[in-house]
Amino acid sequence: MSPRLPSARTNLYLSLGSIGFALVLGLVWAPLDSGTGLIETVRRQVTIGDALAPTLAAGMIGLGGVLVLAQRRAPDPGGLGPANLGFLLRFLAVIAVAFALMRWTGPVAVTLANVAVADDLTYRALRDTAPWKYLGFFAGGSFLIATLISAVEGRPTLRAVLIAAATTLALIAVYDLPFDDLLLPPNGDV
């Protein structure tokens, strides 16, 4: 029997901890802390329940734990160096820009529309009407996905942009279209 690499043992602990946390989150915490179930139907109106988001998060955490557990061996990751810190800072900058695009694309578009048509529209009044409610989510989500794909591939490509746009549109279709009273991020905070 060959000796285990230190990173393999670390991955084992990480995966088991992730799976355990996901089980507690999905089976105990979310049901006990939520006022409603996953999806609620009241008078033929379907709405997202309070437990849906944390249960989906638990599923993703658990899936990540299972995938890490499925790895036989992982290479020794080495130490934490300046390259790792640089990557982390670039990653955080991409997320910050994506959040800024999500937050400000809609309001800026309404301001520009006001200038163009000489009207007094407000984003708050339009935040639940198409196309205004999709602008920020689409811009920020597409930027985030395209930039991360480009970082992994080592260069920006049209394919990354198309995948990002398609993925963001799919998220809009899944989370916004079936529900009448759902506001896509960040529209609920504007």
C-alpha atoms as a PDB file:
ATOM      1  CA  MET A   1       0.000   0.000   0.000  1.00  0.00           C
ATOM      2  CA  SER A   2       1.491   3.313  -1.059  1.00  0.00           C
ATOM      3  CA  PRO A   3       1.631   6.205   1.371  1.00  0.00           C
ATOM      4  CA  ARG A   4      -0.921   8.959   0.922  1.00  0.00           C
ATOM      5  CA  LEU A   5       0.099  12.412  -0.102  1.00  0.00           C
ATOM      6  CA  PRO A   6      -0.625  15.096   2.469  1.00  0.00           C
ATOM      7  CA  SER A   7      -2.939  16.807  -0.005  1.00  0.00           C
ATOM      8  CA  ALA A   8      -4.946  13.576  -0.480  1.00  0.00           C
ATOM      9  CA  ARG A   9      -5.662  13.481   3.262  1.00  0.00           C
ATOM     10  CA  THR A  10      -6.528  17.176   3.208  1.00  0.00           C
ATOM     11  CA  ASN A  11      -8.869  16.573   0.281  1.00  0.00           C
ATOM     12  CA  LEU A  12     -10.491  13.701   2.174  1.00  0.00           C
ATOM     13  CA  TYR A  13     -11.150  15.937   5.190  1.00  0.00           C
ATOM     14  CA  LEU A  14     -12.365  18.760   2.962  1.00  0.00           C
ATOM     15  CA  SER A  15     -14.732  16.506   1.033  1.00  0.00           C
ATOM     16  CA  LEU A  16     -16.170  14.797   4.120  1.00  0.00           C
ATOM     17  CA  GLY A  17     -16.588  18.168   5.836  1.00  0.00           C
ATOM     18  CA  SER A  18     -18.336  19.592   2.769  1.00  0.00           C
ATOM     19  CA  ILE A  19     -20.673  16.614   2.493  1.00  0.00           C
ATOM     20  CA  GLY A  20     -21.461  16.759   6.219  1.00  0.00           C
ATOM     21  CA  PHE A  21     -22.106  20.503   6.107  1.00  0.00           C
ATOM     22  CA  ALA A  22     -24.315  20.076   3.026  1.00  0.00           C
ATOM     23  CA  LEU A  23     -26.383  17.405   4.759  1.00  0.00           C
ATOM     24  CA  VAL A  24     -26.850  19.532   7.875  1.00  0.00           C
ATOM     25  CA  LEU A  25     -27.666  22.606   5.789  1.00  0.00           C
ATOM     26  CA  GLY A  26     -30.115  20.841   3.466  1.00  0.00           C
ATOM     27  CA  LEU A  27     -31.800  18.480   5.900  1.00  0.00           C
ATOM     28  CA  VAL A  28     -31.738  20.379   9.199  1.00  0.00           C
ATOM     29  CA  TRP A  29     -30.905  24.069   8.959  1.00  0.00           C
ATOM     30  CA  ALA A  30     -32.898  25.084   5.846  1.00  0.00           C
ATOM     31  CA  PRO A  31     -36.145  23.309   6.834  1.00  0.00           C
ATOM     32  CA  LEU A  32     -36.017  24.552  10.432  1.00  0.00           C
ATOM     33  CA  ASP A  33     -35.034  28.119   9.550  1.00  0.00           C
ATOM     34  CA  SER A  34     -37.471  28.608   6.670  1.00  0.00           C
ATOM     35  CA  GLY A  35     -41.044  29.725   6.956  1.00  0.00           C
ATOM     36  CA  THR A  36     -42.007  27.947   3.733  1.00  0.00           C
ATOM     37  CA  GLY A  37     -40.904  24.931   1.705  1.00  0.00           C
ATOM     38  CA  LEU A  38     -38.942  24.829  -1.527  1.00  0.00           C
ATOM     39  CA  ILE A  39     -41.775  25.983  -3.795  1.00  0.00           C
ATOM     40  CA  GLU A  40     -45.109  27.309  -2.587  1.00  0.00           C
ATOM     41  CA  THR A  41     -48.418  27.227  -4.418  1.00  0.00           C
ATOM     42  CA  VAL A  42     -51.139  29.469  -3.052  1.00  0.00           C
ATOM     43  CA  ARG A  43     -54.334  29.869  -5.076  1.00  0.00           C
ATOM     44  CA  ARG A  44     -52.643  28.520  -8.206  1.00  0.00           C
ATOM     45  CA  GLN A  45     -49.815  31.075  -7.837  1.00  0.00           C
ATOM     46  CA  VAL A  46     -46.399  29.425  -7.755  1.00  0.00           C
ATOM     47  CA  THR A  47     -43.669  31.205  -5.786  1.00  0.00           C
ATOM     48  CA  ILE A  48     -40.182  30.347  -4.624  1.00  0.00           C
ATOM     49  CA  GLY A  49     -40.159  29.236  -1.020  1.00  0.00           C
ATOM     50  CA  ASP A  50     -37.708  30.406   1.608  1.00  0.00           C
ATOM     51  CA  ALA A  51     -35.928  27.043   1.695  1.00  0.00           C
ATOM     52  CA  LEU A  52     -35.131  26.828  -2.034  1.00  0.00           C
ATOM     53  CA  ALA A  53     -31.926  28.897  -2.147  1.00  0.00           C
ATOM     54  CA  PRO A  54     -30.234  27.313   0.883  1.00  0.00           C
ATOM     55  CA  THR A  55     -31.274  23.836  -0.273  1.00  0.00           C
ATOM     56  CA  LEU A  56     -29.779  24.455  -3.732  1.00  0.00           C
ATOM     57  CA  ALA A  57     -26.623  25.783  -2.082  1.00  0.00           C
ATOM     58  CA  ALA A  58     -26.461  22.647   0.069  1.00  0.00           C
ATOM     59  CA  GLY A  59     -26.769  20.513  -3.051  1.00  0.00           C
ATOM     60  CA  MET A  60     -23.908  22.352  -4.750  1.00  0.00           C
ATOM     61  CA  ILE A  61     -21.689  22.100  -1.671  1.00  0.00           C
ATOM     62  CA  GLY A  62     -22.479  18.386  -1.358  1.00  0.00           C
ATOM     63  CA  LEU A  63     -21.790  17.802  -5.056  1.00  0.00           C
ATOM     64  CA  GLY A  64     -18.442  19.563  -4.703  1.00  0.00           C
ATOM     65  CA  GLY A  65     -17.599  17.375  -1.732  1.00  0.00           C
ATOM     66  CA  VAL A  66     -18.490  14.224  -3.654  1.00  0.00           C
ATOM     67  CA  LEU A  67     -16.380  15.312  -6.634  1.00  0.00           C
ATOM     68  CA  VAL A  68     -13.361  16.007  -4.412  1.00  0.00           C
ATOM     69  CA  LEU A  69     -13.909  12.665  -2.667  1.00  0.00           C
ATOM     70  CA  ALA A  70     -13.979  10.896  -6.046  1.00  0.00           C
ATOM     71  CA  GLN A  71     -10.432  12.054  -6.828  1.00  0.00           C
ATOM     72  CA  ARG A  72      -7.957   9.305  -6.083  1.00  0.00           C
ATOM     73  CA  ARG A  73      -4.893  11.449  -5.601  1.00  0.00           C
ATOM     74  CA  ALA A  74      -4.216  15.099  -5.868  1.00  0.00           C
ATOM     75  CA  PRO A  75      -0.817  16.567  -6.622  1.00  0.00           C
ATOM     76  CA  ASP A  76       0.978  18.293  -3.799  1.00  0.00           C
ATOM     77  CA  PRO A  77      -0.279  21.867  -4.024  1.00  0.00           C
ATOM     78  CA  GLY A  78       2.921  23.373  -2.660  1.00  0.00           C
ATOM     79  CA  GLY A  79       2.954  26.583  -0.694  1.00  0.00           C
ATOM     80  CA  LEU A  80       0.981  29.762  -1.003  1.00  0.00           C
ATOM     81  CA  GLY A  81       2.971  32.247  -3.046  1.00  0.00           C
ATOM     82  CA  PRO A  82       2.684  35.609  -4.808  1.00  0.00           C
ATOM     83  CA  ALA A  83       1.163  33.977  -7.903  1.00  0.00           C
ATOM     84  CA  ASN A  84      -1.675  32.570  -5.768  1.00  0.00           C
ATOM     85  CA  LEU A  85      -2.298  35.951  -4.181  1.00  0.00           C
ATOM     86  CA  GLY A  86      -2.265  37.644  -7.597  1.00  0.00           C
ATOM     87  CA  PHE A  87      -4.812  35.143  -8.914  1.00  0.00           C
ATOM     88  CA  LEU A  88      -7.048  35.712  -5.895  1.00  0.00           C
ATOM     89  CA  LEU A  89      -6.889  39.498  -6.298  1.00  0.00           C
ATOM     90  CA  ARG A  90      -7.726  39.258 -10.026  1.00  0.00           C
ATOM     91  CA  PHE A  91     -10.603  36.904  -9.227  1.00  0.00           C
ATOM     92  CA  LEU A  92     -11.992  39.299  -6.594  1.00  0.00           C
ATOM     93  CA  ALA A  93     -11.647  42.231  -9.018  1.00  0.00           C
ATOM     94  CA  VAL A  94     -13.651  40.331 -11.673  1.00  0.00           C
ATOM     95  CA  ILE A  95     -16.390  39.624  -9.139  1.00  0.00           C
ATOM     96  CA  ALA A  96     -16.431  43.270  -8.007  1.00  0.00           C
ATOM     97  CA  VAL A  97     -16.795  44.498 -11.602  1.00  0.00           C
ATOM     98  CA  ALA A  98     -19.551  41.938 -12.267  1.00  0.00           C
ATOM     99  CA  PHE A  99     -21.457  43.069  -9.160  1.00  0.00           C
ATOM    100  CA  ALA A 100     -21.023  46.724 -10.185  1.00  0.00           C
ATOM    101  CA  LEU A 101     -22.402  45.911 -13.642  1.00  0.00           C
ATOM    102  CA  MET A 102     -25.337  44.072 -12.071  1.00  0.00           C
ATOM    103  CA  ARG A 103     -26.104  46.952  -9.754  1.00  0.00           C
ATOM    104  CA  TRP A 104     -25.642  49.935 -12.070  1.00  0.00           C
ATOM    105  CA  THR A 105     -26.448  48.826 -15.651  1.00  0.00           C
ATOM    106  CA  GLY A 106     -30.216  49.152 -15.221  1.00  0.00           C
ATOM    107  CA  PRO A 107     -30.216  52.550 -13.476  1.00  0.00           C
ATOM    108  CA  VAL A 108     -27.691  53.976 -15.954  1.00  0.00           C
ATOM    109  CA  ALA A 109     -29.769  52.680 -18.878  1.00  0.00           C
ATOM    110  CA  VAL A 110     -32.890  54.360 -17.467  1.00  0.00           C
ATOM    111  CA  THR A 111     -30.964  57.618 -16.992  1.00  0.00           C
ATOM    112  CA  LEU A 112     -29.766  57.463 -20.596  1.00  0.00           C
ATOM    113  CA  ALA A 113     -33.322  56.687 -21.764  1.00  0.00           C
ATOM    114  CA  ASN A 114     -34.567  59.732 -19.851  1.00  0.00           C
ATOM    115  CA  VAL A 115     -32.049  61.914 -21.671  1.00  0.00           C
ATOM    116  CA  ALA A 116     -32.990  60.405 -25.048  1.00  0.00           C
ATOM    117  CA  VAL A 117     -36.772  60.729 -24.693  1.00  0.00           C
ATOM    118  CA  ALA A 118     -36.868  63.691 -22.282  1.00  0.00           C
ATOM    119  CA  ASP A 119     -38.936  61.766 -19.744  1.00  0.00           C
ATOM    120  CA  ASP A 120     -38.792  61.371 -15.978  1.00  0.00           C
ATOM    121  CA  LEU A 121     -38.622  57.591 -15.599  1.00  0.00           C
ATOM    122  CA  THR A 122     -37.159  55.982 -12.480  1.00  0.00           C
ATOM    123  CA  TYR A 123     -35.458  52.628 -12.320  1.00  0.00           C
ATOM    124  CA  ARG A 124     -37.335  51.752  -9.139  1.00  0.00           C
ATOM    125  CA  ALA A 125     -40.640  52.021 -11.023  1.00  0.00           C
ATOM    126  CA  LEU A 126     -39.297  49.974 -13.959  1.00  0.00           C
ATOM    127  CA  ARG A 127     -37.290  47.332 -12.086  1.00  0.00           C
ATOM    128  CA  ASP A 128     -39.936  44.633 -12.588  1.00  0.00           C
ATOM    129  CA  THR A 129     -40.637  45.302 -16.277  1.00  0.00           C
ATOM    130  CA  ALA A 130     -38.838  43.891 -19.288  1.00  0.00           C
ATOM    131  CA  PRO A 131     -36.263  44.728 -20.596  1.00  0.00           C
ATOM    132  CA  TRP A 132     -35.151  46.884 -17.662  1.00  0.00           C
ATOM    133  CA  LYS A 133     -35.227  44.104 -15.077  1.00  0.00           C
ATOM    134  CA  TYR A 134     -32.876  41.947 -17.163  1.00  0.00           C
ATOM    135  CA  LEU A 135     -30.204  44.497 -18.068  1.00  0.00           C
ATOM    136  CA  GLY A 136     -28.068  44.374 -14.925  1.00  0.00           C
ATOM    137  CA  PHE A 137     -28.400  40.632 -14.362  1.00  0.00           C
ATOM    138  CA  PHE A 138     -27.512  39.917 -17.999  1.00  0.00           C
ATOM    139  CA  ALA A 139     -24.582  42.358 -18.131  1.00  0.00           C
ATOM    140  CA  GLY A 140     -23.047  41.326 -14.798  1.00  0.00           C
ATOM    141  CA  GLY A 141     -23.703  37.600 -15.194  1.00  0.00           C
ATOM    142  CA  SER A 142     -22.409  37.467 -18.762  1.00  0.00           C
ATOM    143  CA  PHE A 143     -19.304  39.458 -17.840  1.00  0.00           C
ATOM    144  CA  LEU A 144     -18.554  37.201 -14.873  1.00  0.00           C
ATOM    145  CA  ILE A 145     -18.968  33.948 -16.793  1.00  0.00           C
ATOM    146  CA  ALA A 146     -17.135  35.118 -19.929  1.00  0.00           C
ATOM    147  CA  THR A 147     -14.227  36.509 -17.918  1.00  0.00           C
ATOM    148  CA  LEU A 148     -13.824  33.351 -15.828  1.00  0.00           C
ATOM    149  CA  ILE A 149     -13.983  31.119 -18.919  1.00  0.00           C
ATOM    150  CA  SER A 150     -11.404  33.347 -20.618  1.00  0.00           C
ATOM    151  CA  ALA A 151      -9.149  33.140 -17.563  1.00  0.00           C
ATOM    152  CA  VAL A 152      -9.301  29.343 -17.607  1.00  0.00           C
ATOM    153  CA  GLU A 153      -8.698  29.177 -21.364  1.00  0.00           C
ATOM    154  CA  GLY A 154      -5.907  31.742 -21.184  1.00  0.00           C
ATOM    155  CA  ARG A 155      -7.446  34.153 -23.699  1.00  0.00           C
ATOM    156  CA  PRO A 156     -10.800  35.760 -24.467  1.00  0.00           C
ATOM    157  CA  THR A 157     -12.826  34.001 -27.156  1.00  0.00           C
ATOM    158  CA  LEU A 158     -16.128  34.518 -28.901  1.00  0.00           C
ATOM    159  CA  ARG A 159     -17.113  31.060 -27.679  1.00  0.00           C
ATOM    160  CA  ALA A 160     -16.702  32.204 -24.059  1.00  0.00           C
ATOM    161  CA  VAL A 161     -18.926  35.228 -24.705  1.00  0.00           C
ATOM    162  CA  LEU A 162     -21.596  33.097 -26.383  1.00  0.00           C
ATOM    163  CA  ILE A 163     -21.534  30.518 -23.580  1.00  0.00           C
ATOM    164  CA  ALA A 164     -21.795  33.309 -21.010  1.00  0.00           C
ATOM    165  CA  ALA A 165     -24.747  34.933 -22.770  1.00  0.00           C
ATOM    166  CA  ALA A 166     -26.537  31.595 -23.202  1.00  0.00           C
ATOM    167  CA  THR A 167     -25.945  30.625 -19.589  1.00  0.00           C
ATOM    168  CA  THR A 168     -27.201  33.953 -18.276  1.00  0.00           C
ATOM    169  CA  LEU A 169     -30.292  33.745 -20.480  1.00  0.00           C
ATOM    170  CA  ALA A 170     -30.896  30.200 -19.200  1.00  0.00           C
ATOM    171  CA  LEU A 171     -30.671  31.445 -15.597  1.00  0.00           C
ATOM    172  CA  ILE A 172     -33.171  34.195 -16.411  1.00  0.00           C
ATOM    173  CA  ALA A 173     -35.496  31.606 -17.974  1.00  0.00           C
ATOM    174  CA  VAL A 174     -35.256  29.294 -14.963  1.00  0.00           C
ATOM    175  CA  TYR A 175     -35.468  31.859 -12.174  1.00  0.00           C
ATOM    176  CA  ASP A 176     -37.569  34.700 -13.579  1.00  0.00           C
ATOM    177  CA  LEU A 177     -40.018  33.453 -16.181  1.00  0.00           C
ATOM    178  CA  PRO A 178     -41.902  30.862 -14.062  1.00  0.00           C
ATOM    179  CA  PHE A 179     -42.451  33.229 -11.143  1.00  0.00           C
ATOM    180  CA  ASP A 180     -44.534  36.405 -11.305  1.00  0.00           C
ATOM    181  CA  ASP A 181     -43.276  38.024  -8.126  1.00  0.00           C
ATOM    182  CA  LEU A 182     -39.545  37.274  -8.284  1.00  0.00           C
ATOM    183  CA  LEU A 183     -37.081  40.130  -8.709  1.00  0.00           C
ATOM    184  CA  LEU A 184     -33.736  39.134 -10.195  1.00  0.00           C
ATOM    185  CA  PRO A 185     -30.679  40.441  -8.359  1.00  0.00           C
ATOM    186  CA  PRO A 186     -30.056  43.241  -7.591  1.00  0.00           C
ATOM    187  CA  ASN A 187     -33.514  44.617  -8.390  1.00  0.00           C
ATOM    188  CA  GLY A 188     -34.906  43.833  -4.949  1.00  0.00           C
ATOM    189  CA  ASP A 189     -32.348  46.180  -3.365  1.00  0.00           C
ATOM    190  CA  VAL A 190     -32.721  49.100  -5.778  1.00  0.00           C
END
